[in-house]
Amino acid sequence: MSTAYTFVPSPLHFYSDHPEQPSRFDLLTPRLDSFDAQRLNAIPAARDEVARVHHPKLISSLEEICREGPAVIDYAPTFVTRSSFEDALLAAGGTLSCVRAVLSGSARNAFALVRPPGHHAEPDRSMGFCIFNNIAIAARDALVGATGQSPRQRVAIVDYDAHHGNGTQAAFMDDERVAYCSTHQWGIYPGTGWYEEAPHARKRIVNVPLPAVSGNKSFERIANEIFVPFIQTFKPELILVSAGFDAHWNDPITTLGLTSAGFYMLSKKLVDLAEEHCGGRIVFVLEGGYDPANLANGTAAVFAALTNKPFIDPGDASPRKETDASEMIEKVCEWNGFLK
C-alpha cells in the first residue's frame, strides 16, 4: 500500500486581495510529482453526505448565495463566488476519497490537499474562510461506513492550524465517538478554544490555547505530553489531522512560531501514534497556511512523515525568541488528567 492524496485547487474560488486564494498552491503544484504518493480522483460530496454535519437549510442557502455571487458572507471575511458551492462539495469529496481509500486498505495513509478549507464551518453556518467542514464530513462518513465498509466506532481529530477549529468542535461536542484536540494561538479569530471550554468532555475535547511565538520546543512538549495521552486514552480506529501551515512563524496573518521542521516533528509523531494505535490509518486534511512557500514546505514535511522518507529541512528557522508555554501546557494536562 502506498500513500495517497487528492488535489483540489479550486481556481475559480477567488476573491481579490484575500489571503485564502489559489496562489497558496503556486509553489506546491510543481512539487506534487516529487512526493512518493498516488493521486486519487476527487469526486464531489453528495448533499446527503454533507448533511451529516451541516443543516440542510445551510446547504440550500449557500447554493443560492453562490449562484448570485460573488459575495462576502461573514466578517472574517468569508467570500463565495459562483463556483464556490461546487468547489466546496469537491473539497469535501476529496477528503472523503482519502479517508475511504485508507479505510478500505487501498492506501496506507493519505493527505487531502483541498480548498476551500473547513474547520471553522459550524453545522449551521459557514465562517472563517470555510464553506463546508471537510474533516467533520469525513469523520461522520467513517462513523456511518461508506459503501462496502464497516462503520468505525472511534475517530480522533488533531488540529494544529493556528486558529481554533470551532466548527469541528461544535460538530462533535456531544458525540462520544469522536475526540478532538486543537492547538491554536490564543487571542485571535475565532476567539474560542479555551482549555476549560468543554468540561463535560475532558480527555475527549482537548484545547491547547497558546501564546504567540510558542515555537517548536513548546510543540514538541505538546506532542509528547498531550497528543500521546490523548490518543492513548481514546484508542481511535482512525486519526484525522487538520493541518494548518499558518502556524508557521512568518505566516502573514498569525504569529504562532513553528518552522517546517516543527511541522515534520508533529506529523511524524502523529503518524507514529497511528501506527501504534490504529493500524497506521491516518489522513491529513489541509486547512490554513497563507504563505505559498510555507504551505509547500509544510506539505513536504507531512509527506516525508507519511512515506517514512528523510525530511529535507528548507532552513526556515525562526529568528524570534520562543515564548515559554509551560504554564498553559501544564494547565491543559491537569485539566484533562494527562499526568506524567
Protein backbone atom coordinates (compact mmCIF):
# COMPACT_ATOMS: atom_id res chain seq x y z
CA MET A 1 0.00 0.00 0.00
CA SER A 2 1.18 3.49 -0.82
CA THR A 3 0.43 6.96 0.44
CA ALA A 4 -2.38 8.68 -1.46
CA TYR A 5 -3.51 12.24 -1.93
CA THR A 6 -6.17 14.35 -3.58
CA PHE A 7 -5.59 17.83 -5.01
CA VAL A 8 -8.45 20.31 -5.25
CA PRO A 9 -7.06 23.79 -6.03
CA SER A 10 -10.45 25.38 -6.86
CA PRO A 11 -9.02 28.12 -9.12
CA LEU A 12 -12.36 29.92 -9.56
CA HIS A 13 -12.89 30.22 -5.80
CA PHE A 14 -11.07 33.54 -5.73
CA TYR A 15 -11.57 36.97 -4.18
CA SER A 16 -9.13 39.80 -4.88
CA ASP A 17 -6.61 40.57 -2.12
CA HIS A 18 -7.96 37.79 0.12
CA PRO A 19 -5.36 35.56 1.86
CA GLU A 20 -7.26 32.33 1.07
CA GLN A 21 -6.75 32.15 -2.68
CA PRO A 22 -5.48 29.77 -5.39
CA SER A 23 -1.98 31.27 -5.29
CA ARG A 24 -1.45 29.48 -1.99
CA PHE A 25 -0.66 26.44 -4.17
CA ASP A 26 1.71 28.19 -6.59
CA LEU A 27 4.88 26.66 -5.13
CA LEU A 28 3.27 23.36 -4.13
CA THR A 29 1.80 22.40 -7.51
CA PRO A 30 5.14 21.82 -9.32
CA ARG A 31 6.36 19.69 -6.40
CA LEU A 32 3.45 17.26 -6.28
CA ASP A 33 5.08 14.73 -8.61
CA SER A 34 8.17 14.60 -6.38
CA PHE A 35 6.24 13.13 -3.47
CA ASP A 36 6.13 9.34 -3.29
CA ALA A 37 2.35 9.23 -3.36
CA GLN A 38 -0.53 8.16 -5.59
CA ARG A 39 -3.02 10.79 -6.72
CA LEU A 40 -6.69 9.90 -6.28
CA ASN A 41 -9.62 11.37 -8.13
CA ALA A 42 -11.72 13.76 -6.09
CA ILE A 43 -15.46 13.26 -6.56
CA PRO A 44 -17.88 15.91 -5.26
CA ALA A 45 -19.52 15.02 -1.97
CA ALA A 46 -23.23 14.28 -2.20
CA ARG A 47 -25.65 16.59 -0.41
CA ASP A 48 -26.71 13.85 1.99
CA GLU A 49 -23.05 13.30 2.93
CA VAL A 50 -22.63 17.00 3.68
CA ALA A 51 -25.95 16.97 5.58
CA ARG A 52 -24.49 14.52 8.11
CA VAL A 53 -22.73 17.60 9.52
CA HIS A 54 -24.48 20.68 8.09
CA HIS A 55 -28.14 21.65 8.34
CA PRO A 56 -29.99 21.22 5.03
CA LYS A 57 -31.14 24.86 5.21
CA LEU A 58 -27.50 25.98 5.27
CA ILE A 59 -26.70 23.83 2.25
CA SER A 60 -29.59 25.19 0.20
CA SER A 61 -28.99 28.81 1.23
CA LEU A 62 -25.30 28.54 0.34
CA GLU A 63 -26.17 27.17 -3.07
CA GLU A 64 -28.44 30.15 -3.70
CA ILE A 65 -25.93 32.73 -2.42
CA CYS A 66 -23.16 31.26 -4.55
CA ARG A 67 -25.39 31.27 -7.62
CA GLU A 68 -25.74 35.03 -7.18
CA GLY A 69 -22.08 35.58 -6.18
CA PRO A 70 -19.56 36.90 -5.64
CA ALA A 71 -20.37 37.91 -2.07
CA VAL A 72 -18.85 38.24 1.40
CA ILE A 73 -20.89 36.18 3.87
CA ASP A 74 -19.25 36.92 7.23
CA TYR A 75 -16.85 39.34 8.89
CA ALA A 76 -13.74 37.06 8.74
CA PRO A 77 -14.24 37.82 5.80
CA THR A 78 -15.52 34.64 4.17
CA PHE A 79 -16.25 35.01 0.48
CA VAL A 80 -18.11 32.99 -2.13
CA THR A 81 -18.13 33.10 -5.91
CA ARG A 82 -20.40 31.46 -8.44
CA SER A 83 -18.20 28.34 -8.36
CA SER A 84 -17.80 28.13 -4.56
CA PHE A 85 -20.68 25.75 -3.87
CA GLU A 86 -19.31 23.17 -6.32
CA ASP A 87 -15.76 23.87 -5.13
CA ALA A 88 -16.77 23.21 -1.52
CA LEU A 89 -18.51 19.96 -2.49
CA LEU A 90 -15.35 18.89 -4.32
CA ALA A 91 -13.11 19.79 -1.35
CA ALA A 92 -15.32 17.69 0.93
CA GLY A 93 -15.36 14.93 -1.66
CA GLY A 94 -11.59 14.99 -2.00
CA THR A 95 -11.34 14.49 1.75
CA LEU A 96 -13.85 11.62 1.60
CA SER A 97 -11.82 9.97 -1.17
CA CYS A 98 -8.71 9.95 1.01
CA VAL A 99 -10.46 8.61 4.10
CA ARG A 100 -12.28 5.92 2.17
CA ALA A 101 -9.07 4.81 0.47
CA VAL A 102 -7.36 4.42 3.85
CA LEU A 103 -10.29 2.64 5.48
CA SER A 104 -10.69 0.25 2.54
CA GLY A 105 -7.00 -0.61 2.63
CA SER A 106 -6.27 0.66 -0.88
CA ALA A 107 -3.97 3.34 0.61
CA ARG A 108 -1.79 3.18 3.68
CA ASN A 109 -2.37 6.81 4.63
CA ALA A 110 -3.33 10.00 2.80
CA PHE A 111 -3.34 13.78 2.51
CA ALA A 112 -6.31 15.78 1.19
CA LEU A 113 -4.84 18.94 -0.35
CA VAL A 114 -8.08 20.83 -0.77
CA ARG A 115 -9.56 24.30 -0.67
CA PRO A 116 -11.72 25.96 0.48
CA PRO A 117 -10.70 24.86 3.99
CA GLY A 118 -13.24 23.64 6.51
CA HIS A 119 -12.55 23.57 10.25
CA HIS A 120 -14.35 26.83 11.11
CA ALA A 121 -17.60 25.84 9.36
CA GLU A 122 -20.20 25.00 12.00
CA PRO A 123 -23.26 22.81 11.48
CA ASP A 124 -25.49 25.84 10.84
CA ARG A 125 -23.10 28.44 9.39
CA SER A 126 -20.09 28.91 7.14
CA MET A 127 -17.37 31.15 8.53
CA GLY A 128 -13.65 31.80 8.78
CA PHE A 129 -12.86 31.28 5.06
CA CYS A 130 -14.62 27.88 5.34
CA ILE A 131 -17.75 26.76 3.47
CA PHE A 132 -18.25 23.11 4.49
CA ASN A 133 -16.34 21.32 7.24
CA ASN A 134 -14.33 18.83 5.19
CA ILE A 135 -12.79 16.92 8.09
CA ALA A 136 -16.04 16.69 10.05
CA ILE A 137 -17.87 15.35 6.99
CA ALA A 138 -15.15 12.72 6.55
CA ALA A 139 -15.27 11.74 10.23
CA ARG A 140 -19.04 11.26 10.05
CA ASP A 141 -18.60 9.19 6.89
CA ALA A 142 -16.19 6.89 8.73
CA LEU A 143 -18.70 6.50 11.57
CA VAL A 144 -21.54 5.70 9.17
CA GLY A 145 -19.44 3.40 6.98
CA ALA A 146 -19.08 4.08 3.27
CA THR A 147 -20.37 1.55 0.76
CA GLY A 148 -18.83 -1.84 1.43
CA GLN A 149 -17.05 -0.69 4.60
CA SER A 150 -17.82 -1.31 8.24
CA PRO A 151 -18.68 1.69 10.41
CA ARG A 152 -15.87 2.83 12.69
CA GLN A 153 -16.61 3.35 16.36
CA ARG A 154 -13.97 5.94 17.35
CA VAL A 155 -12.31 8.69 15.31
CA ALA A 156 -9.76 11.14 16.72
CA ILE A 157 -9.13 14.54 15.14
CA VAL A 158 -5.96 16.54 15.85
CA ASP A 159 -5.90 20.15 14.65
CA TYR A 160 -2.62 22.07 14.54
CA ASP A 161 -3.87 25.01 12.50
CA ALA A 162 -3.03 28.34 14.15
CA HIS A 163 -6.75 29.02 14.64
CA HIS A 164 -9.16 27.04 16.80
CA GLY A 165 -11.38 24.69 14.81
CA ASN A 166 -14.62 25.87 16.35
CA GLY A 167 -16.70 24.19 13.65
CA THR A 168 -15.17 20.77 14.18
CA GLN A 169 -15.59 21.09 17.94
CA ALA A 170 -19.22 22.16 17.52
CA ALA A 171 -19.97 19.21 15.26
CA PHE A 172 -18.76 16.69 17.85
CA MET A 173 -19.29 18.47 21.15
CA ASP A 174 -21.69 15.78 22.34
CA ASP A 175 -20.63 12.85 20.15
CA GLU A 176 -18.57 10.47 22.25
CA ARG A 177 -17.42 8.59 19.15
CA VAL A 178 -15.20 11.50 18.09
CA ALA A 179 -12.34 13.06 20.05
CA TYR A 180 -10.95 16.49 19.15
CA CYS A 181 -7.63 18.07 20.15
CA SER A 182 -6.68 21.56 18.96
CA THR A 183 -3.53 23.61 19.38
CA HIS A 184 -4.04 27.26 18.48
CA GLN A 185 -2.86 30.80 19.11
CA TRP A 186 -4.97 32.40 21.81
CA GLY A 187 -6.48 35.84 21.27
CA ILE A 188 -7.06 35.60 17.53
CA TYR A 189 -10.01 34.53 15.35
CA PRO A 190 -12.45 32.95 16.16
CA GLY A 191 -11.96 33.61 19.88
CA THR A 192 -12.93 30.11 21.01
CA GLY A 193 -10.90 27.17 22.29
CA TRP A 194 -10.12 27.94 25.93
CA TYR A 195 -8.85 24.86 27.73
CA GLU A 196 -11.84 24.73 30.10
CA GLU A 197 -14.40 25.14 27.32
CA ALA A 198 -15.85 21.59 27.35
CA PRO A 199 -15.90 20.43 30.98
CA HIS A 200 -18.25 17.55 30.20
CA ALA A 201 -15.75 16.08 27.72
CA ARG A 202 -12.36 16.19 29.42
CA LYS A 203 -9.78 13.99 27.68
CA ARG A 204 -12.07 13.84 24.61
CA ILE A 205 -12.23 17.54 23.70
CA VAL A 206 -8.80 18.96 24.44
CA ASN A 207 -8.00 22.60 23.70
CA VAL A 208 -4.46 23.96 23.95
CA PRO A 209 -4.60 27.79 23.67
CA LEU A 210 -1.08 29.09 23.24
CA PRO A 211 0.73 32.42 23.45
CA ALA A 212 2.21 33.89 20.29
CA VAL A 213 5.65 32.58 19.28
CA SER A 214 5.28 29.34 21.21
CA GLY A 215 7.51 27.65 18.65
CA ASN A 216 8.95 24.19 18.08
CA LYS A 217 10.06 23.46 21.64
CA SER A 218 6.59 24.03 23.08
CA PHE A 219 5.02 21.95 20.33
CA GLU A 220 7.42 19.10 20.99
CA ARG A 221 6.24 19.08 24.59
CA ILE A 222 2.63 19.18 23.40
CA ALA A 223 3.23 16.23 21.07
CA ASN A 224 4.68 14.15 23.90
CA GLU A 225 2.62 15.31 26.86
CA ILE A 226 -0.78 15.94 25.23
CA PHE A 227 -1.07 14.21 21.84
CA VAL A 228 0.28 10.92 23.19
CA PRO A 229 -2.12 10.54 26.17
CA PHE A 230 -4.98 11.97 24.10
CA ILE A 231 -4.60 9.14 21.57
CA GLN A 232 -3.72 6.50 24.16
CA THR A 233 -6.80 7.33 26.22
CA PHE A 234 -9.30 7.49 23.37
CA LYS A 235 -7.98 4.48 21.39
CA PRO A 236 -9.19 5.62 17.94
CA GLU A 237 -9.57 3.41 14.88
CA LEU A 238 -8.67 6.35 12.63
CA ILE A 239 -6.77 9.61 13.14
CA LEU A 240 -7.65 12.70 11.08
CA VAL A 241 -5.43 15.77 11.15
CA SER A 242 -6.39 19.36 10.35
CA ALA A 243 -3.03 20.50 9.01
CA GLY A 244 -2.81 24.28 9.07
CA PHE A 245 0.50 25.71 7.94
CA ASP A 246 -0.49 29.15 9.20
CA ALA A 247 1.15 28.01 12.44
CA HIS A 248 4.47 28.85 10.73
CA TRP A 249 6.39 31.74 12.31
CA ASN A 250 6.16 34.02 9.26
CA ASP A 251 2.59 33.37 8.17
CA PRO A 252 1.07 36.71 7.11
CA ILE A 253 -1.91 36.55 9.49
CA THR A 254 -0.66 34.66 12.59
CA THR A 255 2.40 34.51 14.86
CA LEU A 256 2.42 31.05 16.43
CA GLY A 257 6.04 30.26 15.68
CA LEU A 258 6.54 26.82 14.09
CA THR A 259 9.07 26.01 11.35
CA SER A 260 8.89 23.37 8.63
CA ALA A 261 10.96 21.11 10.90
CA GLY A 262 8.31 21.65 13.55
CA PHE A 263 5.58 20.52 11.16
CA TYR A 264 7.61 17.43 10.38
CA MET A 265 8.05 16.67 14.09
CA LEU A 266 4.32 16.98 14.75
CA SER A 267 3.37 14.97 11.67
CA LYS A 268 5.87 12.20 12.41
CA LYS A 269 4.60 11.92 15.98
CA LEU A 270 1.02 11.58 14.74
CA VAL A 271 1.97 9.04 12.05
CA ASP A 272 3.81 7.00 14.69
CA LEU A 273 0.79 7.17 17.01
CA ALA A 274 -1.41 5.94 14.16
CA GLU A 275 0.97 3.04 13.58
CA GLU A 276 0.85 2.16 17.26
CA HIS A 277 -2.86 2.54 17.92
CA CYS A 278 -4.89 2.22 14.70
CA GLY A 279 -3.03 0.20 12.13
CA GLY A 280 -1.43 3.25 10.53
CA ARG A 281 -4.79 4.71 9.48
CA ILE A 282 -4.24 8.48 9.34
CA VAL A 283 -5.40 11.18 6.93
CA PHE A 284 -4.16 14.78 6.89
CA VAL A 285 -6.51 17.48 5.58
CA LEU A 286 -5.27 20.92 4.56
CA GLU A 287 -6.69 23.88 6.45
CA GLY A 288 -4.88 27.24 6.60
CA GLY A 289 -1.45 28.45 5.56
CA TYR A 290 -1.25 31.69 3.61
CA ASP A 291 2.37 31.92 2.52
CA PRO A 292 2.97 29.72 -0.57
CA ALA A 293 6.49 28.70 0.49
CA ASN A 294 5.37 27.68 3.97
CA LEU A 295 2.48 25.69 2.53
CA ALA A 296 4.74 23.87 0.05
CA ASN A 297 7.41 23.14 2.68
CA GLY A 298 4.84 22.11 5.28
CA THR A 299 3.20 19.76 2.81
CA ALA A 300 6.60 18.24 2.00
CA ALA A 301 7.14 17.73 5.74
CA VAL A 302 3.84 15.86 6.04
CA PHE A 303 4.59 13.66 3.03
CA ALA A 304 8.03 12.83 4.48
CA ALA A 305 6.29 11.63 7.65
CA LEU A 306 3.58 9.72 5.76
CA THR A 307 6.03 7.95 3.43
CA ASN A 308 8.79 7.43 6.01
CA LYS A 309 11.25 9.33 3.85
CA PRO A 310 14.00 11.68 5.07
CA PHE A 311 12.87 15.21 5.80
CA ILE A 312 14.84 17.84 3.93
CA ASP A 313 14.88 20.95 6.10
CA PRO A 314 14.43 24.09 3.94
CA GLY A 315 16.32 26.13 6.50
CA ASP A 316 13.49 28.35 7.69
CA ALA A 317 14.50 28.66 11.34
CA SER A 318 12.64 31.32 13.26
CA PRO A 319 14.58 34.48 14.18
CA ARG A 320 12.27 35.08 17.13
CA LYS A 321 12.81 34.04 20.73
CA GLU A 322 10.25 31.42 21.64
CA THR A 323 7.66 32.11 24.32
CA ASP A 324 7.60 29.67 27.22
CA ALA A 325 4.20 27.94 27.07
CA SER A 326 4.92 25.62 30.02
CA GLU A 327 2.24 27.09 32.27
CA MET A 328 -0.54 26.51 29.73
CA ILE A 329 0.71 23.04 28.79
CA GLU A 330 0.66 22.06 32.47
CA LYS A 331 -2.83 23.51 32.95
CA VAL A 332 -4.14 21.56 29.96
CA CYS A 333 -2.56 18.35 31.23
CA GLU A 334 -4.01 18.84 34.71
CA TRP A 335 -7.49 19.74 33.42
CA ASN A 336 -7.64 16.62 31.26
CA GLY A 337 -5.92 14.28 33.69
CA PHE A 338 -2.92 13.77 31.40
CA LEU A 339 -0.42 13.15 34.16
CA LYS A 340 3.28 12.47 33.68
